[in-house]
Amino acid sequence: MTDEAAGLIGGLGLAPGLNASERHAMAQATHGSAPDIAGRGIANPYAMIMSGKMLFEWLATRRNEPKALVAARLIGAAMDKVIAEAKHLTADLGGTASTSEMGDAVARAI
């Protein structure tokens, strides 16, 4: 089902994930480990970064952590900026950046 839904937003590389209960949560990209491209620096970091954003949102809500909500908003705004500028995108998004180049661009935008 998640694979089907991921197609609606552009594919598994863009599908963040959060498994959560009342007391615990685990963030992960829904696409899995992608062993076929491991170590090549071509994976899109979007899903993993946005999974982290979702975890901060969960912490803000469940644990009443206002700083976590600030962190989530900063990550979201930074990713929006990197995507909109289209200078540091991985190949699946039409760019030429490596995984770390795109991730570094998001970190700088924060």
N, C-alpha and C. Protein backbone atom coordinates (compact mmCIF):
# COMPACT_ATOMS: atom_id res chain seq x y z
N MET A 1 0.81 -1.18 0.00
CA MET A 1 0.00 0.00 0.00
C MET A 1 0.87 1.26 0.00
N THR A 2 1.96 1.23 0.81
CA THR A 2 2.81 2.42 0.86
C THR A 2 3.48 2.67 -0.49
N ASP A 3 3.84 1.61 -1.19
CA ASP A 3 4.45 1.77 -2.51
C ASP A 3 3.47 2.44 -3.47
N GLU A 4 2.21 2.03 -3.41
CA GLU A 4 1.18 2.63 -4.26
C GLU A 4 1.02 4.11 -3.94
N ALA A 5 0.93 4.43 -2.66
CA ALA A 5 0.76 5.82 -2.25
C ALA A 5 1.97 6.66 -2.62
N ALA A 6 3.16 6.08 -2.53
CA ALA A 6 4.38 6.81 -2.87
C ALA A 6 4.37 7.27 -4.32
N GLY A 7 3.74 6.51 -5.19
CA GLY A 7 3.64 6.90 -6.59
C GLY A 7 2.89 8.20 -6.78
N LEU A 8 2.01 8.51 -5.87
CA LEU A 8 1.24 9.75 -5.96
C LEU A 8 2.08 10.99 -5.69
N ILE A 9 3.19 10.82 -4.96
CA ILE A 9 4.03 11.98 -4.64
C ILE A 9 5.34 11.99 -5.41
N GLY A 10 5.54 11.04 -6.30
CA GLY A 10 6.74 11.05 -7.13
C GLY A 10 7.63 9.84 -6.99
N GLY A 11 7.26 8.89 -6.16
CA GLY A 11 8.04 7.67 -6.02
C GLY A 11 8.52 7.45 -4.60
N LEU A 12 9.10 6.27 -4.38
CA LEU A 12 9.54 5.88 -3.05
C LEU A 12 10.63 6.79 -2.49
N GLY A 13 11.44 7.38 -3.34
CA GLY A 13 12.50 8.27 -2.87
C GLY A 13 11.98 9.52 -2.19
N LEU A 14 10.71 9.79 -2.34
CA LEU A 14 10.10 10.98 -1.74
C LEU A 14 9.10 10.63 -0.64
N ALA A 15 9.12 9.40 -0.17
CA ALA A 15 8.12 8.96 0.80
C ALA A 15 8.72 8.78 2.19
N PRO A 16 8.52 9.77 3.07
CA PRO A 16 8.99 9.62 4.44
C PRO A 16 8.08 8.67 5.20
N GLY A 17 8.56 8.19 6.34
CA GLY A 17 7.73 7.30 7.13
C GLY A 17 7.96 7.48 8.61
N LEU A 18 6.90 7.26 9.37
CA LEU A 18 6.99 7.32 10.83
C LEU A 18 6.08 6.23 11.39
N ASN A 19 6.66 5.33 12.17
CA ASN A 19 5.90 4.33 12.89
C ASN A 19 5.80 4.83 14.32
N ALA A 20 4.60 5.07 14.79
CA ALA A 20 4.46 5.69 16.10
C ALA A 20 3.33 5.08 16.92
N SER A 21 3.54 5.08 18.21
CA SER A 21 2.49 4.72 19.16
C SER A 21 2.38 5.89 20.14
N GLU A 22 1.67 5.69 21.20
CA GLU A 22 1.55 6.75 22.20
C GLU A 22 2.88 7.05 22.88
N ARG A 23 3.73 6.04 23.04
CA ARG A 23 4.96 6.21 23.81
C ARG A 23 6.24 6.16 23.00
N HIS A 24 6.23 5.56 21.83
CA HIS A 24 7.45 5.35 21.06
C HIS A 24 7.22 5.69 19.59
N ALA A 25 8.31 6.07 18.93
CA ALA A 25 8.24 6.34 17.49
C ALA A 25 9.57 6.00 16.84
N MET A 26 9.50 5.61 15.58
CA MET A 26 10.69 5.31 14.80
C MET A 26 10.49 5.91 13.41
N ALA A 27 11.44 6.74 13.00
CA ALA A 27 11.37 7.36 11.67
C ALA A 27 12.25 6.59 10.71
N GLN A 28 11.76 6.41 9.49
CA GLN A 28 12.55 5.76 8.45
C GLN A 28 11.95 6.06 7.09
N ALA A 29 12.81 6.08 6.10
CA ALA A 29 12.32 6.23 4.73
C ALA A 29 11.59 4.94 4.35
N THR A 30 10.50 5.05 3.66
CA THR A 30 9.71 3.86 3.33
C THR A 30 10.35 3.00 2.25
N HIS A 31 11.34 3.54 1.54
CA HIS A 31 11.93 2.80 0.43
C HIS A 31 12.91 1.71 0.86
N GLY A 32 13.28 1.65 2.12
CA GLY A 32 14.20 0.63 2.58
C GLY A 32 15.65 1.02 2.35
N SER A 33 16.52 0.03 2.33
CA SER A 33 17.96 0.29 2.31
C SER A 33 18.56 0.45 0.91
N ALA A 34 17.89 0.05 -0.12
CA ALA A 34 18.36 0.17 -1.51
C ALA A 34 19.78 -0.36 -1.70
N PRO A 35 20.00 -1.64 -1.42
CA PRO A 35 21.36 -2.20 -1.53
C PRO A 35 21.95 -2.11 -2.94
N ASP A 36 21.11 -2.01 -3.95
CA ASP A 36 21.61 -1.93 -5.32
C ASP A 36 22.35 -0.63 -5.60
N ILE A 37 22.12 0.41 -4.79
CA ILE A 37 22.83 1.67 -5.01
C ILE A 37 23.68 2.07 -3.80
N ALA A 38 23.82 1.16 -2.83
CA ALA A 38 24.58 1.45 -1.61
C ALA A 38 26.01 1.86 -1.95
N GLY A 39 26.47 2.91 -1.30
CA GLY A 39 27.85 3.36 -1.45
C GLY A 39 28.14 4.15 -2.70
N ARG A 40 27.15 4.37 -3.53
CA ARG A 40 27.38 5.08 -4.80
C ARG A 40 27.11 6.57 -4.71
N GLY A 41 26.52 7.02 -3.61
CA GLY A 41 26.26 8.44 -3.42
C GLY A 41 25.19 9.01 -4.33
N ILE A 42 24.25 8.16 -4.75
CA ILE A 42 23.21 8.63 -5.68
C ILE A 42 21.81 8.56 -5.08
N ALA A 43 21.70 8.10 -3.84
CA ALA A 43 20.38 8.01 -3.21
C ALA A 43 19.84 9.40 -2.90
N ASN A 44 18.56 9.54 -3.04
CA ASN A 44 17.89 10.80 -2.71
C ASN A 44 17.68 10.84 -1.19
N PRO A 45 18.23 11.85 -0.49
CA PRO A 45 18.08 11.90 0.97
C PRO A 45 16.75 12.49 1.45
N TYR A 46 15.90 12.91 0.54
CA TYR A 46 14.64 13.58 0.89
C TYR A 46 13.82 12.77 1.91
N ALA A 47 13.55 11.52 1.61
CA ALA A 47 12.67 10.72 2.46
C ALA A 47 13.23 10.56 3.86
N MET A 48 14.53 10.37 3.98
CA MET A 48 15.11 10.20 5.31
C MET A 48 15.10 11.50 6.09
N ILE A 49 15.42 12.60 5.43
CA ILE A 49 15.40 13.90 6.11
C ILE A 49 13.99 14.24 6.56
N MET A 50 13.02 14.03 5.69
CA MET A 50 11.64 14.36 6.04
C MET A 50 11.07 13.38 7.08
N SER A 51 11.60 12.16 7.13
CA SER A 51 11.21 11.24 8.20
C SER A 51 11.68 11.79 9.54
N GLY A 52 12.88 12.34 9.56
CA GLY A 52 13.38 12.99 10.77
C GLY A 52 12.52 14.16 11.18
N LYS A 53 12.06 14.93 10.19
CA LYS A 53 11.15 16.05 10.45
C LYS A 53 9.87 15.54 11.11
N MET A 54 9.34 14.44 10.60
CA MET A 54 8.12 13.86 11.16
C MET A 54 8.35 13.41 12.61
N LEU A 55 9.53 12.89 12.89
CA LEU A 55 9.83 12.47 14.25
C LEU A 55 9.87 13.67 15.19
N PHE A 56 10.46 14.77 14.74
CA PHE A 56 10.44 15.99 15.55
C PHE A 56 9.01 16.46 15.80
N GLU A 57 8.15 16.36 14.79
CA GLU A 57 6.75 16.76 14.97
C GLU A 57 6.06 15.87 16.01
N TRP A 58 6.35 14.57 15.96
CA TRP A 58 5.79 13.64 16.93
C TRP A 58 6.26 14.00 18.34
N LEU A 59 7.56 14.28 18.48
CA LEU A 59 8.10 14.67 19.78
C LEU A 59 7.43 15.94 20.30
N ALA A 60 7.22 16.88 19.41
CA ALA A 60 6.58 18.14 19.80
C ALA A 60 5.18 17.89 20.34
N THR A 61 4.45 16.99 19.70
CA THR A 61 3.08 16.71 20.08
C THR A 61 2.99 15.80 21.30
N ARG A 62 3.69 14.69 21.27
CA ARG A 62 3.55 13.68 22.32
C ARG A 62 4.32 14.01 23.60
N ARG A 63 5.43 14.70 23.44
CA ARG A 63 6.28 14.99 24.61
C ARG A 63 6.29 16.46 24.99
N ASN A 64 5.45 17.23 24.33
CA ASN A 64 5.36 18.67 24.60
C ASN A 64 6.74 19.32 24.55
N GLU A 65 7.41 19.14 23.41
CA GLU A 65 8.75 19.68 23.20
C GLU A 65 8.67 20.81 22.17
N PRO A 66 8.54 22.06 22.60
CA PRO A 66 8.41 23.17 21.65
C PRO A 66 9.63 23.31 20.73
N LYS A 67 10.82 23.00 21.23
CA LYS A 67 12.02 23.10 20.39
C LYS A 67 11.99 22.08 19.25
N ALA A 68 11.33 20.95 19.49
CA ALA A 68 11.21 19.94 18.44
C ALA A 68 10.34 20.46 17.30
N LEU A 69 9.30 21.20 17.63
CA LEU A 69 8.44 21.78 16.59
C LEU A 69 9.21 22.83 15.79
N VAL A 70 10.02 23.61 16.46
CA VAL A 70 10.87 24.59 15.76
C VAL A 70 11.82 23.86 14.81
N ALA A 71 12.43 22.78 15.28
CA ALA A 71 13.34 22.00 14.44
C ALA A 71 12.63 21.46 13.22
N ALA A 72 11.42 20.91 13.41
CA ALA A 72 10.64 20.36 12.30
C ALA A 72 10.35 21.44 11.26
N ARG A 73 9.97 22.61 11.72
CA ARG A 73 9.66 23.70 10.79
C ARG A 73 10.90 24.16 10.03
N LEU A 74 12.03 24.22 10.72
CA LEU A 74 13.28 24.60 10.05
C LEU A 74 13.67 23.59 8.97
N ILE A 75 13.54 22.32 9.28
CA ILE A 75 13.86 21.27 8.30
C ILE A 75 12.93 21.37 7.10
N GLY A 76 11.64 21.53 7.35
CA GLY A 76 10.68 21.64 6.25
C GLY A 76 10.95 22.83 5.35
N ALA A 77 11.22 23.98 5.96
CA ALA A 77 11.51 25.18 5.18
C ALA A 77 12.80 25.04 4.40
N ALA A 78 13.79 24.41 5.00
CA ALA A 78 15.07 24.20 4.31
C ALA A 78 14.90 23.28 3.11
N MET A 79 14.14 22.20 3.28
CA MET A 79 13.92 21.28 2.16
C MET A 79 13.14 21.97 1.06
N ASP A 80 12.13 22.74 1.43
CA ASP A 80 11.36 23.49 0.42
C ASP A 80 12.28 24.40 -0.39
N LYS A 81 13.20 25.07 0.29
CA LYS A 81 14.13 25.98 -0.38
C LYS A 81 15.04 25.24 -1.34
N VAL A 82 15.60 24.12 -0.90
CA VAL A 82 16.50 23.34 -1.76
C VAL A 82 15.76 22.81 -2.98
N ILE A 83 14.57 22.31 -2.79
CA ILE A 83 13.77 21.81 -3.92
C ILE A 83 13.44 22.95 -4.88
N ALA A 84 13.01 24.08 -4.35
CA ALA A 84 12.61 25.23 -5.20
C ALA A 84 13.79 25.78 -5.98
N GLU A 85 14.95 25.86 -5.35
CA GLU A 85 16.13 26.39 -6.04
C GLU A 85 16.64 25.44 -7.12
N ALA A 86 16.44 24.14 -6.92
CA ALA A 86 16.81 23.10 -7.90
C ALA A 86 18.28 23.11 -8.29
N LYS A 87 19.16 23.55 -7.39
CA LYS A 87 20.60 23.58 -7.67
C LYS A 87 21.31 22.34 -7.13
N HIS A 88 20.74 21.72 -6.11
CA HIS A 88 21.39 20.60 -5.45
C HIS A 88 20.43 19.42 -5.33
N LEU A 89 19.94 18.95 -6.46
CA LEU A 89 19.00 17.83 -6.48
C LEU A 89 19.68 16.59 -7.03
N THR A 90 19.27 15.45 -6.52
CA THR A 90 19.79 14.18 -7.02
C THR A 90 19.19 13.87 -8.40
N ALA A 91 19.76 12.90 -9.06
CA ALA A 91 19.38 12.58 -10.44
C ALA A 91 17.90 12.24 -10.59
N ASP A 92 17.33 11.56 -9.61
CA ASP A 92 15.91 11.18 -9.72
C ASP A 92 14.99 12.40 -9.71
N LEU A 93 15.53 13.55 -9.26
CA LEU A 93 14.76 14.79 -9.27
C LEU A 93 15.20 15.72 -10.40
N GLY A 94 16.02 15.18 -11.31
CA GLY A 94 16.45 15.96 -12.46
C GLY A 94 17.75 16.72 -12.26
N GLY A 95 18.44 16.48 -11.16
CA GLY A 95 19.69 17.19 -10.88
C GLY A 95 20.91 16.31 -11.08
N THR A 96 22.03 16.82 -10.60
CA THR A 96 23.29 16.09 -10.71
C THR A 96 24.00 15.94 -9.37
N ALA A 97 23.36 16.37 -8.29
CA ALA A 97 23.99 16.33 -6.97
C ALA A 97 24.07 14.91 -6.42
N SER A 98 25.08 14.69 -5.60
CA SER A 98 25.19 13.42 -4.89
C SER A 98 24.28 13.48 -3.66
N THR A 99 24.17 12.35 -2.99
CA THR A 99 23.38 12.28 -1.76
C THR A 99 23.88 13.32 -0.76
N SER A 100 25.19 13.34 -0.54
CA SER A 100 25.74 14.25 0.46
C SER A 100 25.64 15.71 0.02
N GLU A 101 25.76 15.97 -1.25
CA GLU A 101 25.61 17.36 -1.73
C GLU A 101 24.21 17.90 -1.47
N MET A 102 23.20 17.06 -1.72
CA MET A 102 21.83 17.50 -1.46
C MET A 102 21.61 17.64 0.05
N GLY A 103 22.08 16.69 0.82
CA GLY A 103 21.95 16.76 2.27
C GLY A 103 22.65 17.98 2.83
N ASP A 104 23.84 18.27 2.33
CA ASP A 104 24.59 19.44 2.79
C ASP A 104 23.85 20.73 2.44
N ALA A 105 23.21 20.77 1.29
CA ALA A 105 22.44 21.95 0.89
C ALA A 105 21.28 22.19 1.84
N VAL A 106 20.63 21.11 2.26
CA VAL A 106 19.53 21.24 3.23
C VAL A 106 20.08 21.73 4.57
N ALA A 107 21.21 21.17 5.00
CA ALA A 107 21.81 21.60 6.26
C ALA A 107 22.19 23.09 6.22
N ARG A 108 22.75 23.53 5.12
CA ARG A 108 23.10 24.96 4.98
C ARG A 108 21.85 25.83 5.01
N ALA A 109 20.77 25.36 4.41
CA ALA A 109 19.53 26.13 4.36
C ALA A 109 18.89 26.29 5.74
N ILE A 110 19.19 25.37 6.62
CA ILE A 110 18.66 25.47 7.99
C ILE A 110 19.35 26.63 8.68
